[in-house]
Amino acid sequence: IHNEPINVPMAADAVSSVSEVALPAGGDDLLIGLAFSGGGTRA
């Protein structure tokens, strides 16, 4: 099995506090989100 991790450490100058996720809404008065379920190519 070839499944070695490929993620790398964060650069030292990029380390900062872990902040909460921000959702960048657009410039209008609507907020639209879509969630796509699992199910292969069918989904």
ModelCIF file with pLDDT and N, C-alpha, C, O atoms, coordinates in Angstrom:
data_MODEL
#
_entry.id   MODEL 
#
_entity.id                         1 
_entity.type                       polymer 
_entity.pdbx_number_of_molecules   1 
#
_entity_poly.entity_id                      1 
_entity_poly.type                           'polypeptide(L)' 
_entity_poly.nstd_linkage                   no 
_entity_poly.nstd_monomer                   no 
_entity_poly.pdbx_seq_one_letter_code       IHNEPINVPMAADAVSSVSEVALPAGGDDLLIGLAFSGGGTRA 
_entity_poly.pdbx_seq_one_letter_code_can   IHNEPINVPMAADAVSSVSEVALPAGGDDLLIGLAFSGGGTRA 
_entity_poly.pdbx_strand_id                 A 
#
loop_
_entity_poly_seq.entity_id 
_entity_poly_seq.num 
_entity_poly_seq.mon_id 
_entity_poly_seq.hetero 
1 1  ILE n 
1 2  HIS n 
1 3  ASN n 
1 4  GLU n 
1 5  PRO n 
1 6  ILE n 
1 7  ASN n 
1 8  VAL n 
1 9  PRO n 
1 10 MET n 
1 11 ALA n 
1 12 ALA n 
1 13 ASP n 
1 14 ALA n 
1 15 VAL n 
1 16 SER n 
1 17 SER n 
1 18 VAL n 
1 19 SER n 
1 20 GLU n 
1 21 VAL n 
1 22 ALA n 
1 23 LEU n 
1 24 PRO n 
1 25 ALA n 
1 26 GLY n 
1 27 GLY n 
1 28 ASP n 
1 29 ASP n 
1 30 LEU n 
1 31 LEU n 
1 32 ILE n 
1 33 GLY n 
1 34 LEU n 
1 35 ALA n 
1 36 PHE n 
1 37 SER n 
1 38 GLY n 
1 39 GLY n 
1 40 GLY n 
1 41 THR n 
1 42 ARG n 
1 43 ALA n 
#
_struct_asym.id          A 
_struct_asym.entity_id   1 
#
loop_
_ma_qa_metric.id 
_ma_qa_metric.mode 
_ma_qa_metric.name 
_ma_qa_metric.software_group_id 
_ma_qa_metric.type 
1 global pLDDT . pLDDT 
2 local  pLDDT . pLDDT 
#
_ma_qa_metric_global.metric_id      1 
_ma_qa_metric_global.metric_value   76.79 
_ma_qa_metric_global.model_id       1 
_ma_qa_metric_global.ordinal_id     1 
#
loop_
_ma_qa_metric_local.label_asym_id 
_ma_qa_metric_local.label_comp_id 
_ma_qa_metric_local.label_seq_id 
_ma_qa_metric_local.metric_id 
_ma_qa_metric_local.metric_value 
_ma_qa_metric_local.model_id 
_ma_qa_metric_local.ordinal_id 
A ILE 1  2 64.00 1 1  
A HIS 2  2 70.00 1 2  
A ASN 3  2 80.00 1 3  
A GLU 4  2 88.00 1 4  
A PRO 5  2 90.00 1 5  
A ILE 6  2 90.00 1 6  
A ASN 7  2 93.00 1 7  
A VAL 8  2 94.00 1 8  
A PRO 9  2 92.00 1 9  
A MET 10 2 87.00 1 10 
A ALA 11 2 80.00 1 11 
A ALA 12 2 66.00 1 12 
A ASP 13 2 62.00 1 13 
A ALA 14 2 62.00 1 14 
A VAL 15 2 57.00 1 15 
A SER 16 2 57.00 1 16 
A SER 17 2 49.00 1 17 
A VAL 18 2 47.00 1 18 
A SER 19 2 50.00 1 19 
A GLU 20 2 50.00 1 20 
A VAL 21 2 52.00 1 21 
A ALA 22 2 54.00 1 22 
A LEU 23 2 56.00 1 23 
A PRO 24 2 55.00 1 24 
A ALA 25 2 54.00 1 25 
A GLY 26 2 57.00 1 26 
A GLY 27 2 63.00 1 27 
A ASP 28 2 78.00 1 28 
A ASP 29 2 87.00 1 29 
A LEU 30 2 90.00 1 30 
A LEU 31 2 92.00 1 31 
A ILE 32 2 94.00 1 32 
A GLY 33 2 95.00 1 33 
A LEU 34 2 97.00 1 34 
A ALA 35 2 96.00 1 35 
A PHE 36 2 97.00 1 36 
A SER 37 2 94.00 1 37 
A GLY 38 2 92.00 1 38 
A GLY 39 2 91.00 1 39 
A GLY 40 2 93.00 1 40 
A THR 41 2 96.00 1 41 
A ARG 42 2 95.00 1 42 
A ALA 43 2 96.00 1 43 
#
loop_
_atom_site.group_PDB 
_atom_site.id 
_atom_site.type_symbol 
_atom_site.label_atom_id 
_atom_site.label_alt_id 
_atom_site.label_comp_id 
_atom_site.label_asym_id 
_atom_site.label_entity_id 
_atom_site.label_seq_id 
_atom_site.pdbx_PDB_ins_code 
_atom_site.Cartn_x 
_atom_site.Cartn_y 
_atom_site.Cartn_z 
_atom_site.occupancy 
_atom_site.B_iso_or_equiv 
_atom_site.pdbx_formal_charge 
_atom_site.auth_seq_id 
_atom_site.auth_comp_id 
_atom_site.auth_asym_id 
_atom_site.auth_atom_id 
_atom_site.pdbx_PDB_model_num 
ATOM 1   N N  . ILE A 1 1  ? 0.847   -1.191 0.000   1.00 64.00 ? 1  ILE A N  1 
ATOM 2   C CA . ILE A 1 1  ? 0.000   0.000  0.000   1.00 64.00 ? 1  ILE A CA 1 
ATOM 3   C C  . ILE A 1 1  ? 0.879   1.237  0.000   1.00 64.00 ? 1  ILE A C  1 
ATOM 4   O O  . ILE A 1 1  ? 1.724   1.398  0.881   1.00 64.00 ? 1  ILE A O  1 
ATOM 5   N N  . HIS A 1 2  ? 0.690   2.117  -0.982  1.00 70.00 ? 2  HIS A N  1 
ATOM 6   C CA . HIS A 1 2  ? 1.450   3.364  -1.075  1.00 70.00 ? 2  HIS A CA 1 
ATOM 7   C C  . HIS A 1 2  ? 0.540   4.520  -0.652  1.00 70.00 ? 2  HIS A C  1 
ATOM 8   O O  . HIS A 1 2  ? -0.211  5.055  -1.467  1.00 70.00 ? 2  HIS A O  1 
ATOM 9   N N  . ASN A 1 3  ? 0.610   4.887  0.587   1.00 80.00 ? 3  ASN A N  1 
ATOM 10  C CA . ASN A 1 3  ? -0.236  5.962  1.093   1.00 80.00 ? 3  ASN A CA 1 
ATOM 11  C C  . ASN A 1 3  ? 0.530   6.886  2.024   1.00 80.00 ? 3  ASN A C  1 
ATOM 12  O O  . ASN A 1 3  ? 0.021   7.300  3.066   1.00 80.00 ? 3  ASN A O  1 
ATOM 13  N N  . GLU A 1 4  ? 1.754   7.202  1.638   1.00 88.00 ? 4  GLU A N  1 
ATOM 14  C CA . GLU A 1 4  ? 2.563   8.075  2.470   1.00 88.00 ? 4  GLU A CA 1 
ATOM 15  C C  . GLU A 1 4  ? 1.963   9.483  2.493   1.00 88.00 ? 4  GLU A C  1 
ATOM 16  O O  . GLU A 1 4  ? 1.462   9.951  1.471   1.00 88.00 ? 4  GLU A O  1 
ATOM 17  N N  . PRO A 1 5  ? 2.005   10.159 3.629   1.00 90.00 ? 5  PRO A N  1 
ATOM 18  C CA . PRO A 1 5  ? 1.450   11.511 3.698   1.00 90.00 ? 5  PRO A CA 1 
ATOM 19  C C  . PRO A 1 5  ? 2.186   12.452 2.754   1.00 90.00 ? 5  PRO A C  1 
ATOM 20  O O  . PRO A 1 5  ? 3.410   12.392 2.643   1.00 90.00 ? 5  PRO A O  1 
ATOM 21  N N  . ILE A 1 6  ? 1.452   13.310 2.082   1.00 90.00 ? 6  ILE A N  1 
ATOM 22  C CA . ILE A 1 6  ? 2.076   14.288 1.194   1.00 90.00 ? 6  ILE A CA 1 
ATOM 23  C C  . ILE A 1 6  ? 1.887   15.717 1.700   1.00 90.00 ? 6  ILE A C  1 
ATOM 24  O O  . ILE A 1 6  ? 2.389   16.662 1.091   1.00 90.00 ? 6  ILE A O  1 
ATOM 25  N N  . ASN A 1 7  ? 1.164   15.878 2.812   1.00 93.00 ? 7  ASN A N  1 
ATOM 26  C CA . ASN A 1 7  ? 1.023   17.234 3.352   1.00 93.00 ? 7  ASN A CA 1 
ATOM 27  C C  . ASN A 1 7  ? 2.319   17.647 4.041   1.00 93.00 ? 7  ASN A C  1 
ATOM 28  O O  . ASN A 1 7  ? 3.012   16.804 4.612   1.00 93.00 ? 7  ASN A O  1 
ATOM 29  N N  . VAL A 1 8  ? 2.647   18.917 3.993   1.00 94.00 ? 8  VAL A N  1 
ATOM 30  C CA . VAL A 1 8  ? 3.912   19.411 4.532   1.00 94.00 ? 8  VAL A CA 1 
ATOM 31  C C  . VAL A 1 8  ? 3.651   20.358 5.693   1.00 94.00 ? 8  VAL A C  1 
ATOM 32  O O  . VAL A 1 8  ? 2.552   20.897 5.819   1.00 94.00 ? 8  VAL A O  1 
ATOM 33  N N  . PRO A 1 9  ? 4.675   20.568 6.562   1.00 92.00 ? 9  PRO A N  1 
ATOM 34  C CA . PRO A 1 9  ? 4.478   21.489 7.694   1.00 92.00 ? 9  PRO A CA 1 
ATOM 35  C C  . PRO A 1 9  ? 4.231   22.912 7.209   1.00 92.00 ? 9  PRO A C  1 
ATOM 36  O O  . PRO A 1 9  ? 4.642   23.304 6.117   1.00 92.00 ? 9  PRO A O  1 
ATOM 37  N N  . MET A 1 10 ? 3.561   23.651 8.039   1.00 87.00 ? 10 MET A N  1 
ATOM 38  C CA . MET A 1 10 ? 3.344   25.063 7.768   1.00 87.00 ? 10 MET A CA 1 
ATOM 39  C C  . MET A 1 10 ? 4.668   25.811 7.944   1.00 87.00 ? 10 MET A C  1 
ATOM 40  O O  . MET A 1 10 ? 5.436   25.523 8.862   1.00 87.00 ? 10 MET A O  1 
ATOM 41  N N  . ALA A 1 11 ? 4.921   26.762 7.062   1.00 80.00 ? 11 ALA A N  1 
ATOM 42  C CA . ALA A 1 11 ? 6.135   27.557 7.180   1.00 80.00 ? 11 ALA A CA 1 
ATOM 43  C C  . ALA A 1 11 ? 6.120   28.345 8.482   1.00 80.00 ? 11 ALA A C  1 
ATOM 44  O O  . ALA A 1 11 ? 5.064   28.784 8.940   1.00 80.00 ? 11 ALA A O  1 
ATOM 45  N N  . ALA A 1 12 ? 7.294   28.521 9.073   1.00 66.00 ? 12 ALA A N  1 
ATOM 46  C CA . ALA A 1 12 ? 7.389   29.180 10.379  1.00 66.00 ? 12 ALA A CA 1 
ATOM 47  C C  . ALA A 1 12 ? 6.789   30.578 10.360  1.00 66.00 ? 12 ALA A C  1 
ATOM 48  O O  . ALA A 1 12 ? 6.147   30.993 11.325  1.00 66.00 ? 12 ALA A O  1 
ATOM 49  N N  . ASP A 1 13 ? 6.994   31.309 9.262   1.00 62.00 ? 13 ASP A N  1 
ATOM 50  C CA . ASP A 1 13 ? 6.483   32.684 9.213   1.00 62.00 ? 13 ASP A CA 1 
ATOM 51  C C  . ASP A 1 13 ? 4.980   32.747 8.946   1.00 62.00 ? 13 ASP A C  1 
ATOM 52  O O  . ASP A 1 13 ? 4.386   33.824 8.979   1.00 62.00 ? 13 ASP A O  1 
ATOM 53  N N  . ALA A 1 14 ? 4.356   31.570 8.675   1.00 62.00 ? 14 ALA A N  1 
ATOM 54  C CA . ALA A 1 14 ? 2.912   31.531 8.418   1.00 62.00 ? 14 ALA A CA 1 
ATOM 55  C C  . ALA A 1 14 ? 2.130   31.080 9.631   1.00 62.00 ? 14 ALA A C  1 
ATOM 56  O O  . ALA A 1 14 ? 0.900   31.116 9.618   1.00 62.00 ? 14 ALA A O  1 
ATOM 57  N N  . VAL A 1 15 ? 2.819   30.654 10.687  1.00 57.00 ? 15 VAL A N  1 
ATOM 58  C CA . VAL A 1 15 ? 2.149   30.139 11.862  1.00 57.00 ? 15 VAL A CA 1 
ATOM 59  C C  . VAL A 1 15 ? 1.475   31.270 12.615  1.00 57.00 ? 15 VAL A C  1 
ATOM 60  O O  . VAL A 1 15 ? 2.107   32.275 12.938  1.00 57.00 ? 15 VAL A O  1 
ATOM 61  N N  . SER A 1 16 ? 0.211   31.105 12.890  1.00 57.00 ? 16 SER A N  1 
ATOM 62  C CA . SER A 1 16 ? -0.544  32.083 13.673  1.00 57.00 ? 16 SER A CA 1 
ATOM 63  C C  . SER A 1 16 ? -1.635  31.339 14.408  1.00 57.00 ? 16 SER A C  1 
ATOM 64  O O  . SER A 1 16 ? -1.750  30.119 14.295  1.00 57.00 ? 16 SER A O  1 
ATOM 65  N N  . SER A 1 17 ? -2.430  32.064 15.153  1.00 49.00 ? 17 SER A N  1 
ATOM 66  C CA . SER A 1 17 ? -3.514  31.421 15.890  1.00 49.00 ? 17 SER A CA 1 
ATOM 67  C C  . SER A 1 17 ? -4.489  30.764 14.928  1.00 49.00 ? 17 SER A C  1 
ATOM 68  O O  . SER A 1 17 ? -4.690  31.233 13.808  1.00 49.00 ? 17 SER A O  1 
ATOM 69  N N  . VAL A 1 18 ? -5.089  29.675 15.379  1.00 47.00 ? 18 VAL A N  1 
ATOM 70  C CA . VAL A 1 18 ? -6.107  29.001 14.579  1.00 47.00 ? 18 VAL A CA 1 
ATOM 71  C C  . VAL A 1 18 ? -7.385  29.811 14.683  1.00 47.00 ? 18 VAL A C  1 
ATOM 72  O O  . VAL A 1 18 ? -7.985  29.899 15.754  1.00 47.00 ? 18 VAL A O  1 
ATOM 73  N N  . SER A 1 19 ? -7.801  30.398 13.581  1.00 50.00 ? 19 SER A N  1 
ATOM 74  C CA . SER A 1 19 ? -8.975  31.268 13.605  1.00 50.00 ? 19 SER A CA 1 
ATOM 75  C C  . SER A 1 19 ? -10.203 30.517 13.132  1.00 50.00 ? 19 SER A C  1 
ATOM 76  O O  . SER A 1 19 ? -10.106 29.444 12.537  1.00 50.00 ? 19 SER A O  1 
ATOM 77  N N  . GLU A 1 20 ? -11.362 31.099 13.408  1.00 50.00 ? 20 GLU A N  1 
ATOM 78  C CA . GLU A 1 20 ? -12.596 30.482 12.957  1.00 50.00 ? 20 GLU A CA 1 
ATOM 79  C C  . GLU A 1 20 ? -12.761 30.671 11.455  1.00 50.00 ? 20 GLU A C  1 
ATOM 80  O O  . GLU A 1 20 ? -12.182 31.581 10.862  1.00 50.00 ? 20 GLU A O  1 
ATOM 81  N N  . VAL A 1 21 ? -13.560 29.795 10.853  1.00 52.00 ? 21 VAL A N  1 
ATOM 82  C CA . VAL A 1 21 ? -13.810 29.867 9.415   1.00 52.00 ? 21 VAL A CA 1 
ATOM 83  C C  . VAL A 1 21 ? -14.625 31.109 9.094   1.00 52.00 ? 21 VAL A C  1 
ATOM 84  O O  . VAL A 1 21 ? -15.580 31.425 9.804   1.00 52.00 ? 21 VAL A O  1 
ATOM 85  N N  . ALA A 1 22 ? -14.260 31.813 8.036   1.00 54.00 ? 22 ALA A N  1 
ATOM 86  C CA . ALA A 1 22 ? -15.033 32.968 7.580   1.00 54.00 ? 22 ALA A CA 1 
ATOM 87  C C  . ALA A 1 22 ? -15.693 32.611 6.263   1.00 54.00 ? 22 ALA A C  1 
ATOM 88  O O  . ALA A 1 22 ? -15.081 31.982 5.399   1.00 54.00 ? 22 ALA A O  1 
ATOM 89  N N  . LEU A 1 23 ? -16.934 33.012 6.115   1.00 56.00 ? 23 LEU A N  1 
ATOM 90  C CA . LEU A 1 23 ? -17.657 32.760 4.869   1.00 56.00 ? 23 LEU A CA 1 
ATOM 91  C C  . LEU A 1 23 ? -17.727 34.062 4.081   1.00 56.00 ? 23 LEU A C  1 
ATOM 92  O O  . LEU A 1 23 ? -18.437 34.984 4.482   1.00 56.00 ? 23 LEU A O  1 
ATOM 93  N N  . PRO A 1 24 ? -17.000 34.154 2.966   1.00 55.00 ? 24 PRO A N  1 
ATOM 94  C CA . PRO A 1 24 ? -16.986 35.398 2.199   1.00 55.00 ? 24 PRO A CA 1 
ATOM 95  C C  . PRO A 1 24 ? -18.229 35.558 1.347   1.00 55.00 ? 24 PRO A C  1 
ATOM 96  O O  . PRO A 1 24 ? -18.291 35.040 0.233   1.00 55.00 ? 24 PRO A O  1 
ATOM 97  N N  . ALA A 1 25 ? -19.211 36.266 1.857   1.00 54.00 ? 25 ALA A N  1 
ATOM 98  C CA . ALA A 1 25 ? -20.429 36.492 1.083   1.00 54.00 ? 25 ALA A CA 1 
ATOM 99  C C  . ALA A 1 25 ? -20.164 37.503 -0.021  1.00 54.00 ? 25 ALA A C  1 
ATOM 100 O O  . ALA A 1 25 ? -19.219 38.288 0.050   1.00 54.00 ? 25 ALA A O  1 
ATOM 101 N N  . GLY A 1 26 ? -21.008 37.472 -1.036  1.00 57.00 ? 26 GLY A N  1 
ATOM 102 C CA . GLY A 1 26 ? -20.850 38.395 -2.149  1.00 57.00 ? 26 GLY A CA 1 
ATOM 103 C C  . GLY A 1 26 ? -21.323 39.790 -1.788  1.00 57.00 ? 26 GLY A C  1 
ATOM 104 O O  . GLY A 1 26 ? -21.653 40.071 -0.636  1.00 57.00 ? 26 GLY A O  1 
ATOM 105 N N  . GLY A 1 27 ? -21.350 40.656 -2.781  1.00 63.00 ? 27 GLY A N  1 
ATOM 106 C CA . GLY A 1 27 ? -21.664 42.053 -2.519  1.00 63.00 ? 27 GLY A CA 1 
ATOM 107 C C  . GLY A 1 27 ? -23.133 42.377 -2.588  1.00 63.00 ? 27 GLY A C  1 
ATOM 108 O O  . GLY A 1 27 ? -23.483 43.552 -2.698  1.00 63.00 ? 27 GLY A O  1 
ATOM 109 N N  . ASP A 1 28 ? -24.025 41.383 -2.527  1.00 78.00 ? 28 ASP A N  1 
ATOM 110 C CA . ASP A 1 28 ? -25.444 41.681 -2.572  1.00 78.00 ? 28 ASP A CA 1 
ATOM 111 C C  . ASP A 1 28 ? -26.100 41.248 -1.266  1.00 78.00 ? 28 ASP A C  1 
ATOM 112 O O  . ASP A 1 28 ? -25.417 40.989 -0.275  1.00 78.00 ? 28 ASP A O  1 
ATOM 113 N N  . ASP A 1 29 ? -27.432 41.172 -1.274  1.00 87.00 ? 29 ASP A N  1 
ATOM 114 C CA . ASP A 1 29 ? -28.135 40.863 -0.033  1.00 87.00 ? 29 ASP A CA 1 
ATOM 115 C C  . ASP A 1 29 ? -28.572 39.406 0.040   1.00 87.00 ? 29 ASP A C  1 
ATOM 116 O O  . ASP A 1 29 ? -29.433 39.055 0.846   1.00 87.00 ? 29 ASP A O  1 
ATOM 117 N N  . LEU A 1 30 ? -27.982 38.555 -0.798  1.00 90.00 ? 30 LEU A N  1 
ATOM 118 C CA . LEU A 1 30 ? -28.265 37.123 -0.765  1.00 90.00 ? 30 LEU A CA 1 
ATOM 119 C C  . LEU A 1 30 ? -27.064 36.353 -0.229  1.00 90.00 ? 30 LEU A C  1 
ATOM 120 O O  . LEU A 1 30 ? -25.912 36.730 -0.444  1.00 90.00 ? 30 LEU A O  1 
ATOM 121 N N  . LEU A 1 31 ? -27.365 35.264 0.473   1.00 92.00 ? 31 LEU A N  1 
ATOM 122 C CA . LEU A 1 31 ? -26.331 34.325 0.885   1.00 92.00 ? 31 LEU A CA 1 
ATOM 123 C C  . LEU A 1 31 ? -26.803 32.943 0.450   1.00 92.00 ? 31 LEU A C  1 
ATOM 124 O O  . LEU A 1 31 ? -27.834 32.463 0.923   1.00 92.00 ? 31 LEU A O  1 
ATOM 125 N N  . ILE A 1 32 ? -26.057 32.300 -0.449  1.00 94.00 ? 32 ILE A N  1 
ATOM 126 C CA . ILE A 1 32 ? -26.483 31.028 -1.037  1.00 94.00 ? 32 ILE A CA 1 
ATOM 127 C C  . ILE A 1 32 ? -25.432 29.965 -0.781  1.00 94.00 ? 32 ILE A C  1 
ATOM 128 O O  . ILE A 1 32 ? -24.257 30.147 -1.100  1.00 94.00 ? 32 ILE A O  1 
ATOM 129 N N  . GLY A 1 33 ? -25.865 28.853 -0.201  1.00 95.00 ? 33 GLY A N  1 
ATOM 130 C CA . GLY A 1 33 ? -24.982 27.725 0.031   1.00 95.00 ? 33 GLY A CA 1 
ATOM 131 C C  . GLY A 1 33 ? -25.594 26.442 -0.495  1.00 95.00 ? 33 GLY A C  1 
ATOM 132 O O  . GLY A 1 33 ? -26.802 26.234 -0.391  1.00 95.00 ? 33 GLY A O  1 
ATOM 133 N N  . LEU A 1 34 ? -24.767 25.588 -1.057  1.00 97.00 ? 34 LEU A N  1 
ATOM 134 C CA . LEU A 1 34 ? -25.207 24.303 -1.596  1.00 97.00 ? 34 LEU A CA 1 
ATOM 135 C C  . LEU A 1 34 ? -24.359 23.194 -1.001  1.00 97.00 ? 34 LEU A C  1 
ATOM 136 O O  . LEU A 1 34 ? -23.146 23.343 -0.852  1.00 97.00 ? 34 LEU A O  1 
ATOM 137 N N  . ALA A 1 35 ? -24.994 22.083 -0.660  1.00 96.00 ? 35 ALA A N  1 
ATOM 138 C CA . ALA A 1 35 ? -24.289 20.909 -0.155  1.00 96.00 ? 35 ALA A CA 1 
ATOM 139 C C  . ALA A 1 35 ? -24.627 19.724 -1.045  1.00 96.00 ? 35 ALA A C  1 
ATOM 140 O O  . ALA A 1 35 ? -25.796 19.368 -1.195  1.00 96.00 ? 35 ALA A O  1 
ATOM 141 N N  . PHE A 1 36 ? -23.599 19.107 -1.639  1.00 97.00 ? 36 PHE A N  1 
ATOM 142 C CA . PHE A 1 36 ? -23.788 17.995 -2.562  1.00 97.00 ? 36 PHE A CA 1 
ATOM 143 C C  . PHE A 1 36 ? -23.454 16.684 -1.854  1.00 97.00 ? 36 PHE A C  1 
ATOM 144 O O  . PHE A 1 36 ? -22.349 16.516 -1.338  1.00 97.00 ? 36 PHE A O  1 
ATOM 145 N N  . SER A 1 37 ? -24.403 15.768 -1.833  1.00 94.00 ? 37 SER A N  1 
ATOM 146 C CA . SER A 1 37 ? -24.234 14.506 -1.124  1.00 94.00 ? 37 SER A CA 1 
ATOM 147 C C  . SER A 1 37 ? -23.267 13.578 -1.849  1.00 94.00 ? 37 SER A C  1 
ATOM 148 O O  . SER A 1 37 ? -22.840 13.842 -2.973  1.00 94.00 ? 37 SER A O  1 
ATOM 149 N N  . GLY A 1 38 ? -22.933 12.478 -1.166  1.00 92.00 ? 38 GLY A N  1 
ATOM 150 C CA . GLY A 1 38 ? -22.160 11.423 -1.788  1.00 92.00 ? 38 GLY A CA 1 
ATOM 151 C C  . GLY A 1 38 ? -23.031 10.561 -2.684  1.00 92.00 ? 38 GLY A C  1 
ATOM 152 O O  . GLY A 1 38 ? -24.258 10.657 -2.673  1.00 92.00 ? 38 GLY A O  1 
ATOM 153 N N  . GLY A 1 39 ? -22.356 9.706  -3.470  1.00 91.00 ? 39 GLY A N  1 
ATOM 154 C CA . GLY A 1 39 ? -23.085 8.808  -4.359  1.00 91.00 ? 39 GLY A CA 1 
ATOM 155 C C  . GLY A 1 39 ? -22.410 8.623  -5.702  1.00 91.00 ? 39 GLY A C  1 
ATOM 156 O O  . GLY A 1 39 ? -23.090 8.378  -6.699  1.00 91.00 ? 39 GLY A O  1 
ATOM 157 N N  . GLY A 1 40 ? -21.060 8.735  -5.757  1.00 93.00 ? 40 GLY A N  1 
ATOM 158 C CA . GLY A 1 40 ? -20.338 8.490  -6.988  1.00 93.00 ? 40 GLY A CA 1 
ATOM 159 C C  . GLY A 1 40 ? -20.740 9.435  -8.110  1.00 93.00 ? 40 GLY A C  1 
ATOM 160 O O  . GLY A 1 40 ? -21.136 10.574 -7.863  1.00 93.00 ? 40 GLY A O  1 
ATOM 161 N N  . THR A 1 41 ? -20.636 8.958  -9.340  1.00 96.00 ? 41 THR A N  1 
ATOM 162 C CA . THR A 1 41 ? -20.994 9.789  -10.492 1.00 96.00 ? 41 THR A CA 1 
ATOM 163 C C  . THR A 1 41 ? -22.478 10.117 -10.492 1.00 96.00 ? 41 THR A C  1 
ATOM 164 O O  . THR A 1 41 ? -22.883 11.142 -11.039 1.00 96.00 ? 41 THR A O  1 
ATOM 165 N N  . ARG A 1 42 ? -23.294 9.263  -9.886  1.00 95.00 ? 42 ARG A N  1 
ATOM 166 C CA . ARG A 1 42 ? -24.727 9.566  -9.766  1.00 95.00 ? 42 ARG A CA 1 
ATOM 167 C C  . ARG A 1 42 ? -24.918 10.900 -9.050  1.00 95.00 ? 42 ARG A C  1 
ATOM 168 O O  . ARG A 1 42 ? -25.693 11.742 -9.502  1.00 95.00 ? 42 ARG A O  1 
ATOM 169 N N  . ALA A 1 43 ? -24.213 11.095 -7.930  1.00 96.00 ? 43 ALA A N  1 
ATOM 170 C CA . ALA A 1 43 ? -24.316 12.340 -7.174  1.00 96.00 ? 43 ALA A CA 1 
ATOM 171 C C  . ALA A 1 43 ? -23.707 13.505 -7.944  1.00 96.00 ? 43 ALA A C  1 
ATOM 172 O O  . ALA A 1 43 ? -23.706 14.635 -7.455  1.00 96.00 ? 43 ALA A O  1 
#
